Amino acid sequence: MIRKWIILALAAVLLFMNTPQKTEAVSVSAQSAILIEQDSGRVIYEKDAHTVRRIASITKIMTAILAIESGKLDRQVKVSENAARTEGSAIYLKPGEKIKLEDLTYGLMLRSGNDSAAAIAEYVGGSLDGFAYLMNQKAEEIGMKNTHFANPHGLDDHENHHSTAYDMAILTRYAMNNEIYRKIAGTKVHRAPNPNESWERVWHNKNRLLTDLYEYCTGGKTGYTKRAKRTLVTTASKKGLDLIAVTLNGPDDWNDHIQMYESTFGYYKLVEVLPEGKIEGVKSKVYKNKLYLEHPVYYPVTKKEEKLLNVKYQLLKPRKEWKDSTQVPNIVGKAIIYFDEKPVKELPVHFEKTEKKEENSFFKLFKSIFTSIIGLDKNG
């Protein structure tokens, strides 16, 4: 009898060891949290992710991307007295000094300079209010539905300055598609000229996940005010899996992010749902061997979830007037990727007009040979 119980206990231990511990089991200190995958946007973990809260200095992700998208990073910005006197964390700008917009953006992201945020806002938006308008315009454009920006830095000087963990993940996903933003957010140390002193400015990134706590961290932004408490956005990458984590009011945010990342990296992988190139198995005579996808599609899943992925095609019905391939549209439908019977991504299906292209190229070649033989020049 004892032997039987020992065998059952060992079996239970082995079963537990071989059962993946899902991300849903993560417990974070933050009031709101979310973890998404960059490419697909899939939400892998969330906790009150749509609750509206104050966000502090992670506001500056929006300020940074607007500075970058202005196309003026190489321009000199004259710092106003109003910007130089902005309260809170600073890069200690002096009224009247001139500094490149690029360096202001590094000071904004690495040192969380509120003075830098104000200087950027005045230069790019014409005023703090003008820049706030641009911030909200961009927020609406990229789908941040529960966000309102009232300043460029996140200070608690406006009651209507707020967002959600989900919206900040959307913003970060958008920003991370910009190469310049990725470089700035992932920089550990930046040096900038200092015209008022004999030494240059040296800024070390405040994001400890990036600098010393987590080797897979690729960037992010810290934040804190008395009302918002600790807020944090970070990004991480491992084995081709790019993740975004956001926590709002998280007293143990460094560990919150590491826990979310480790749980996901341990049990999720990117699966190629559709390869780029020719689509096989098409029976239509018009479409057979002519349809292709321009890009592959990947989706993050656990091993058990792979069977939940499915692809369906919606194609235009071939028409009688499509007498040859040149009359067929370039895009003839779409591929829809489903996960757990829900559509998660669509991409266009292209038609390859090979026959007519080859015919055209043949006659062009024949014509060029013929005209060279009879001695005609470009003007006839």
Protein backbone atom coordinates (compact mmCIF):
# COMPACT_ATOMS: atom_id res chain seq x y z
CA MET A 1 0.00 0.00 0.00
CA ILE A 2 2.81 2.43 0.92
CA ARG A 3 4.64 1.51 -2.29
CA LYS A 4 1.49 2.32 -4.26
CA TRP A 5 1.24 5.79 -2.69
CA ILE A 6 4.94 6.49 -3.40
CA ILE A 7 4.45 5.58 -7.06
CA LEU A 8 1.38 7.85 -7.32
CA ALA A 9 3.26 10.74 -5.67
CA LEU A 10 6.20 10.37 -8.06
CA ALA A 11 3.84 10.28 -11.02
CA ALA A 12 2.18 13.51 -9.84
CA VAL A 13 5.56 15.24 -9.49
CA LEU A 14 6.63 14.15 -12.99
CA LEU A 15 3.32 15.31 -14.44
CA PHE A 16 3.71 18.74 -12.82
CA MET A 17 7.29 19.08 -14.08
CA ASN A 18 6.21 18.36 -17.65
CA THR A 19 3.20 20.68 -17.61
CA PRO A 20 3.99 24.22 -18.92
CA GLN A 21 3.23 26.89 -16.31
CA LYS A 22 1.07 29.35 -18.23
CA THR A 23 1.61 33.11 -18.23
CA GLU A 24 -1.83 33.50 -16.63
CA ALA A 25 -0.26 32.29 -13.37
CA VAL A 26 1.94 35.41 -13.19
CA SER A 27 1.27 37.62 -10.18
CA VAL A 28 2.38 41.25 -10.43
CA SER A 29 2.47 44.04 -7.86
CA ALA A 30 1.13 46.64 -10.30
CA GLN A 31 -2.47 47.86 -10.28
CA SER A 32 -2.51 47.55 -14.07
CA ALA A 33 -0.24 45.48 -16.30
CA ILE A 34 0.00 44.07 -19.80
CA LEU A 35 2.41 42.07 -21.92
CA ILE A 36 2.04 41.93 -25.71
CA GLU A 37 4.03 40.53 -28.62
CA GLN A 38 5.40 43.24 -30.92
CA ASP A 39 4.72 41.86 -34.40
CA SER A 40 1.25 40.39 -33.94
CA GLY A 41 0.07 42.60 -31.09
CA ARG A 42 -1.22 39.51 -29.27
CA VAL A 43 -2.02 40.16 -25.61
CA ILE A 44 -0.28 37.40 -23.68
CA TYR A 45 -0.92 38.68 -20.15
CA GLU A 46 -3.07 41.45 -18.73
CA LYS A 47 -4.37 42.74 -15.42
CA ASP A 48 -6.85 45.65 -15.41
CA ALA A 49 -5.16 46.72 -18.65
CA HIS A 50 -8.06 48.98 -19.73
CA THR A 51 -8.44 50.86 -16.44
CA VAL A 52 -7.70 54.58 -16.84
CA ARG A 53 -4.82 55.73 -14.62
CA ARG A 54 -2.22 58.46 -14.35
CA ILE A 55 0.95 57.55 -16.25
CA ALA A 56 3.75 59.92 -15.15
CA SER A 57 6.87 60.03 -17.34
CA ILE A 58 6.06 57.15 -19.67
CA THR A 59 4.15 60.02 -21.33
CA LYS A 60 7.52 60.88 -22.85
CA ILE A 61 7.33 57.95 -25.27
CA MET A 62 4.74 59.99 -27.18
CA THR A 63 6.86 63.14 -26.87
CA ALA A 64 9.87 61.28 -28.25
CA ILE A 65 8.10 59.76 -31.26
CA LEU A 66 6.61 63.13 -32.22
CA ALA A 67 10.06 64.75 -31.98
CA ILE A 68 11.48 62.03 -34.21
CA GLU A 69 8.64 62.20 -36.73
CA SER A 70 9.01 65.98 -37.01
CA GLY A 71 12.08 65.31 -39.15
CA LYS A 72 14.00 68.05 -37.35
CA LEU A 73 16.33 66.09 -35.08
CA ASP A 74 19.38 67.82 -36.55
CA ARG A 75 17.97 71.32 -35.89
CA GLN A 76 19.13 73.57 -33.04
CA VAL A 77 16.50 74.40 -30.42
CA LYS A 78 16.70 77.60 -28.37
CA VAL A 79 15.64 76.80 -24.82
CA SER A 80 13.05 79.17 -23.36
CA GLU A 81 13.03 80.32 -19.78
CA ASN A 82 9.71 78.54 -19.29
CA ALA A 83 11.19 75.21 -20.45
CA ALA A 84 14.36 75.59 -18.37
CA ARG A 85 12.31 76.18 -15.21
CA THR A 86 10.08 73.10 -15.59
CA GLU A 87 9.89 71.34 -12.24
CA GLY A 88 10.93 67.78 -11.47
CA SER A 89 13.62 65.62 -13.10
CA ALA A 90 15.84 67.60 -15.45
CA ILE A 91 18.87 67.64 -17.71
CA TYR A 92 19.53 71.17 -16.36
CA LEU A 93 19.01 73.23 -19.49
CA LYS A 94 19.83 76.95 -19.33
CA PRO A 95 17.53 79.69 -20.68
CA GLY A 96 18.73 80.86 -24.10
CA GLU A 97 21.09 77.94 -24.77
CA LYS A 98 20.89 76.10 -28.08
CA ILE A 99 20.83 72.32 -28.25
CA LYS A 100 20.02 69.83 -31.00
CA LEU A 101 16.53 68.36 -30.97
CA GLU A 102 18.18 64.93 -31.16
CA ASP A 103 20.09 65.53 -27.92
CA LEU A 104 16.91 66.81 -26.27
CA THR A 105 15.23 63.53 -27.21
CA TYR A 106 18.07 61.50 -25.68
CA GLY A 107 17.86 63.62 -22.52
CA LEU A 108 14.10 63.07 -22.50
CA MET A 109 14.30 59.27 -22.76
CA LEU A 110 17.46 58.48 -20.79
CA ARG A 111 17.22 61.01 -17.95
CA SER A 112 13.50 61.76 -18.12
CA GLY A 113 14.17 65.49 -18.39
CA ASN A 114 10.99 67.48 -17.88
CA ASP A 115 12.82 70.59 -19.08
CA SER A 116 13.76 68.65 -22.21
CA ALA A 117 10.11 67.63 -22.73
CA ALA A 118 8.96 71.25 -22.49
CA ALA A 119 11.68 72.44 -24.90
CA ILE A 120 10.69 69.74 -27.42
CA ALA A 121 7.00 70.62 -27.07
CA GLU A 122 7.57 74.34 -27.64
CA TYR A 123 9.77 73.70 -30.67
CA VAL A 124 7.72 70.97 -32.38
CA GLY A 125 4.23 72.11 -31.36
CA GLY A 126 4.75 75.87 -31.04
CA SER A 127 3.58 75.77 -27.41
CA LEU A 128 2.76 73.25 -24.69
CA ASP A 129 -0.92 73.35 -25.63
CA GLY A 130 -0.13 73.07 -29.33
CA PHE A 131 2.02 70.02 -28.67
CA ALA A 132 -0.66 68.42 -26.49
CA TYR A 133 -2.99 68.74 -29.49
CA LEU A 134 -0.46 66.85 -31.63
CA MET A 135 -0.12 64.19 -28.93
CA ASN A 136 -3.87 63.56 -28.83
CA GLN A 137 -4.09 63.61 -32.61
CA LYS A 138 -1.44 60.89 -32.81
CA ALA A 139 -3.09 58.92 -30.00
CA GLU A 140 -6.37 58.86 -31.93
CA GLU A 141 -4.55 57.93 -35.14
CA ILE A 142 -2.93 54.82 -33.66
CA GLY A 143 -5.97 53.63 -31.68
CA MET A 144 -5.32 54.81 -28.12
CA LYS A 145 -9.02 55.01 -27.22
CA ASN A 146 -8.77 55.67 -23.47
CA THR A 147 -5.96 58.22 -23.45
CA HIS A 148 -5.79 61.99 -23.09
CA PHE A 149 -2.54 63.96 -23.02
CA ALA A 150 -2.42 67.40 -21.41
CA ASN A 151 1.36 67.91 -21.21
CA PRO A 152 4.57 66.50 -22.74
CA HIS A 153 6.16 65.16 -19.54
CA GLY A 154 3.51 63.49 -17.35
CA LEU A 155 3.65 65.81 -14.36
CA ASP A 156 0.52 65.92 -12.20
CA ASP A 157 -0.35 69.46 -13.27
CA HIS A 158 -3.51 68.50 -15.18
CA GLU A 159 -6.43 66.37 -14.04
CA ASN A 160 -7.18 65.11 -17.56
CA HIS A 161 -3.79 63.56 -18.27
CA HIS A 162 -4.24 59.78 -18.30
CA SER A 163 -4.00 56.51 -20.23
CA THR A 164 -4.23 52.74 -19.74
CA ALA A 165 -1.68 49.93 -19.75
CA TYR A 166 -3.20 48.67 -23.00
CA ASP A 167 -3.01 52.07 -24.73
CA MET A 168 0.61 52.56 -23.64
CA ALA A 169 1.43 49.15 -25.11
CA ILE A 170 -0.17 50.27 -28.40
CA LEU A 171 1.93 53.44 -28.32
CA THR A 172 5.13 51.53 -27.60
CA ARG A 173 4.39 49.01 -30.35
CA TYR A 174 3.96 51.92 -32.78
CA ALA A 175 7.14 53.65 -31.58
CA MET A 176 9.22 50.46 -31.77
CA ASN A 177 8.54 50.28 -35.49
CA ASN A 178 10.67 53.42 -35.83
CA GLU A 179 14.40 52.66 -36.13
CA ILE A 180 15.49 55.97 -34.57
CA TYR A 181 13.20 55.49 -31.59
CA ARG A 182 14.50 51.95 -31.04
CA LYS A 183 18.07 53.26 -31.04
CA ILE A 184 17.37 56.08 -28.56
CA ALA A 185 15.22 53.98 -26.20
CA GLY A 186 17.86 51.24 -26.18
CA THR A 187 20.86 53.52 -25.52
CA LYS A 188 22.57 53.04 -22.17
CA VAL A 189 24.80 56.15 -22.25
CA HIS A 190 24.64 59.27 -24.42
CA ARG A 191 27.07 62.19 -24.62
CA ALA A 192 25.94 65.65 -25.72
CA PRO A 193 27.83 68.95 -26.17
CA ASN A 194 27.51 71.50 -23.37
CA PRO A 195 28.19 75.01 -24.68
CA ASN A 196 28.05 76.58 -21.21
CA GLU A 197 30.72 74.38 -19.61
CA SER A 198 34.15 72.94 -20.40
CA TRP A 199 32.79 69.39 -20.07
CA GLU A 200 30.20 67.56 -22.15
CA ARG A 201 26.93 66.20 -20.84
CA VAL A 202 26.89 62.47 -20.09
CA TRP A 203 23.51 60.85 -19.60
CA HIS A 204 23.04 57.32 -18.21
CA ASN A 205 19.73 55.58 -18.83
CA LYS A 206 17.47 55.27 -15.77
CA ASN A 207 15.97 52.04 -17.08
CA ARG A 208 17.71 49.48 -14.84
CA LEU A 209 16.24 46.54 -16.75
CA LEU A 210 18.24 47.77 -19.74
CA THR A 211 21.44 48.72 -17.92
CA ASP A 212 21.95 45.87 -15.45
CA LEU A 213 18.91 43.83 -14.41
CA TYR A 214 17.76 41.96 -17.51
CA GLU A 215 20.03 40.97 -20.38
CA TYR A 216 17.17 40.64 -22.90
CA CYS A 217 15.80 44.16 -22.34
CA THR A 218 16.03 46.37 -25.44
CA GLY A 219 14.58 49.66 -24.22
CA GLY A 220 11.73 51.42 -22.46
CA LYS A 221 10.85 54.34 -20.21
CA THR A 222 10.54 54.81 -16.47
CA GLY A 223 8.08 57.07 -14.66
CA TYR A 224 7.09 58.31 -11.22
CA THR A 225 4.95 61.01 -9.64
CA LYS A 226 3.32 61.13 -6.22
CA ARG A 227 -0.12 60.54 -7.71
CA ALA A 228 0.75 58.04 -10.45
CA LYS A 229 3.31 56.15 -8.34
CA ARG A 230 5.79 53.98 -10.27
CA THR A 231 5.04 53.45 -13.95
CA LEU A 232 7.22 51.48 -16.35
CA VAL A 233 7.32 50.49 -20.02
CA THR A 234 10.01 48.12 -21.25
CA THR A 235 10.76 45.99 -24.32
CA ALA A 236 12.66 42.72 -24.51
CA SER A 237 13.78 40.29 -27.21
CA LYS A 238 14.88 36.66 -27.14
CA LYS A 239 15.00 33.99 -29.87
CA GLY A 240 13.08 36.16 -32.31
CA LEU A 241 10.29 36.93 -29.85
CA ASP A 242 9.89 40.68 -29.28
CA LEU A 243 7.80 41.65 -26.26
CA ILE A 244 6.40 44.84 -24.70
CA ALA A 245 5.54 45.13 -21.01
CA VAL A 246 3.67 47.95 -19.25
CA THR A 247 2.92 48.41 -15.55
CA LEU A 248 1.03 51.27 -13.88
CA ASN A 249 1.31 51.88 -10.14
CA GLY A 250 3.70 48.98 -9.67
CA PRO A 251 5.76 49.12 -6.45
CA ASP A 252 7.88 46.16 -7.58
CA ASP A 253 7.88 46.95 -11.28
CA TRP A 254 11.38 45.67 -12.16
CA ASN A 255 10.46 42.20 -10.94
CA ASP A 256 6.97 42.46 -12.43
CA HIS A 257 8.49 42.92 -15.88
CA ILE A 258 11.12 40.20 -15.47
CA GLN A 259 8.47 37.76 -14.28
CA MET A 260 6.20 38.49 -17.26
CA TYR A 261 9.10 38.18 -19.70
CA GLU A 262 10.51 34.98 -18.28
CA SER A 263 7.13 33.28 -18.16
CA THR A 264 6.50 34.16 -21.81
CA PHE A 265 9.97 33.37 -23.16
CA GLY A 266 9.79 30.02 -21.39
CA TYR A 267 6.57 28.80 -22.98
CA TYR A 268 5.88 30.80 -26.13
CA LYS A 269 7.52 30.71 -29.55
CA LEU A 270 6.91 32.36 -32.91
CA VAL A 271 5.26 29.94 -35.33
CA GLU A 272 5.29 30.61 -39.07
CA VAL A 273 1.61 30.48 -39.96
CA LEU A 274 2.10 31.45 -43.61
CA PRO A 275 5.36 31.52 -45.60
CA GLU A 276 6.00 34.25 -48.15
CA GLY A 277 5.87 33.31 -51.83
CA LYS A 278 3.58 31.05 -53.85
CA ILE A 279 0.30 29.80 -52.37
CA GLU A 280 -0.02 26.09 -52.99
CA GLY A 281 -3.17 24.04 -53.57
CA VAL A 282 -5.19 26.60 -55.57
CA LYS A 283 -7.58 24.75 -57.92
CA SER A 284 -8.89 27.65 -60.03
CA LYS A 285 -7.38 27.65 -63.55
CA VAL A 286 -7.10 31.43 -63.47
CA TYR A 287 -5.32 31.51 -60.11
CA LYS A 288 -3.35 28.25 -60.12
CA ASN A 289 0.39 28.84 -59.51
CA LYS A 290 -0.22 32.60 -59.78
CA LEU A 291 -1.06 33.62 -56.21
CA TYR A 292 1.55 34.70 -53.68
CA LEU A 293 2.10 36.49 -50.37
CA GLU A 294 4.67 39.28 -50.10
CA HIS A 295 5.49 38.65 -46.44
CA PRO A 296 5.48 35.68 -44.07
CA VAL A 297 3.18 35.69 -41.05
CA TYR A 298 4.31 34.62 -37.57
CA TYR A 299 2.23 34.29 -34.45
CA PRO A 300 3.28 33.66 -30.81
CA VAL A 301 1.81 30.50 -29.29
CA THR A 302 2.57 27.81 -26.76
CA LYS A 303 3.12 24.28 -28.04
CA LYS A 304 -0.44 23.28 -27.09
CA GLU A 305 -1.89 26.31 -28.90
CA GLU A 306 -0.38 25.55 -32.32
CA LYS A 307 -3.43 23.47 -33.31
CA LEU A 308 -5.64 26.51 -32.70
CA LEU A 309 -4.12 28.34 -35.70
CA ASN A 310 -6.00 28.22 -38.99
CA VAL A 311 -5.90 30.05 -42.35
CA LYS A 312 -8.78 30.85 -44.69
CA TYR A 313 -8.65 32.58 -48.07
CA GLN A 314 -11.21 34.95 -49.52
CA LEU A 315 -10.62 35.42 -53.26
CA LEU A 316 -12.39 37.39 -55.97
CA LYS A 317 -14.51 35.27 -58.28
CA PRO A 318 -12.73 35.10 -61.67
CA ARG A 319 -14.51 37.19 -64.31
CA LYS A 320 -15.14 36.56 -68.01
CA GLU A 321 -13.38 39.78 -69.00
CA TRP A 322 -10.11 38.47 -67.55
CA LYS A 323 -9.06 37.15 -70.96
CA ASP A 324 -5.37 37.28 -70.10
CA SER A 325 -3.32 37.83 -66.96
CA THR A 326 -2.87 41.59 -67.54
CA GLN A 327 -6.57 42.15 -66.88
CA VAL A 328 -6.48 40.43 -63.48
CA PRO A 329 -6.13 42.85 -60.50
CA ASN A 330 -2.81 42.91 -58.64
CA ILE A 331 -4.62 42.00 -55.41
CA VAL A 332 -7.28 39.33 -55.77
CA GLY A 333 -8.22 38.62 -52.17
CA LYS A 334 -6.93 38.17 -48.67
CA ALA A 335 -5.61 35.51 -46.33
CA ILE A 336 -7.19 35.56 -42.88
CA ILE A 337 -5.33 34.00 -39.95
CA TYR A 338 -7.54 32.64 -37.19
CA PHE A 339 -6.51 31.78 -33.65
CA ASP A 340 -9.00 29.85 -31.56
CA GLU A 341 -11.62 30.58 -34.26
CA LYS A 342 -11.08 34.35 -33.97
CA PRO A 343 -9.50 36.41 -36.82
CA VAL A 344 -6.19 37.90 -35.67
CA LYS A 345 -4.54 39.08 -38.88
CA GLU A 346 -5.25 39.69 -42.55
CA LEU A 347 -2.88 40.17 -45.48
CA PRO A 348 -3.44 40.72 -49.20
CA VAL A 349 -3.16 37.91 -51.75
CA HIS A 350 -1.26 39.08 -54.85
CA PHE A 351 -1.62 37.85 -58.44
CA GLU A 352 1.55 37.26 -60.45
CA LYS A 353 1.19 38.35 -64.07
CA THR A 354 4.06 36.26 -65.38
CA GLU A 355 2.90 35.34 -68.88
CA LYS A 356 2.28 38.86 -70.11
CA LYS A 357 5.47 40.17 -68.53
CA GLU A 358 7.49 37.54 -70.36
CA GLU A 359 5.66 38.28 -73.62
CA ASN A 360 6.28 41.99 -73.27
CA SER A 361 9.95 41.50 -72.47
CA PHE A 362 10.34 39.18 -75.52
CA PHE A 363 8.82 41.69 -77.93
CA LYS A 364 10.84 44.53 -76.41
CA LEU A 365 14.00 42.51 -76.96
CA PHE A 366 12.96 41.60 -80.54
CA LYS A 367 12.14 45.24 -81.30
CA SER A 368 15.48 46.49 -79.98
CA ILE A 369 17.38 43.91 -82.07
CA PHE A 370 15.33 44.71 -85.18
CA THR A 371 15.77 48.50 -84.89
CA SER A 372 19.52 48.13 -84.35
CA ILE A 373 19.78 45.98 -87.50
CA ILE A 374 17.97 48.48 -89.75
CA GLY A 375 19.85 51.40 -88.15
CA LEU A 376 17.09 53.43 -86.48
CA ASP A 377 18.09 55.71 -83.57
CA LYS A 378 15.93 56.76 -80.60
CA ASN A 379 14.31 59.53 -82.65
CA GLY A 380 13.38 57.21 -85.57
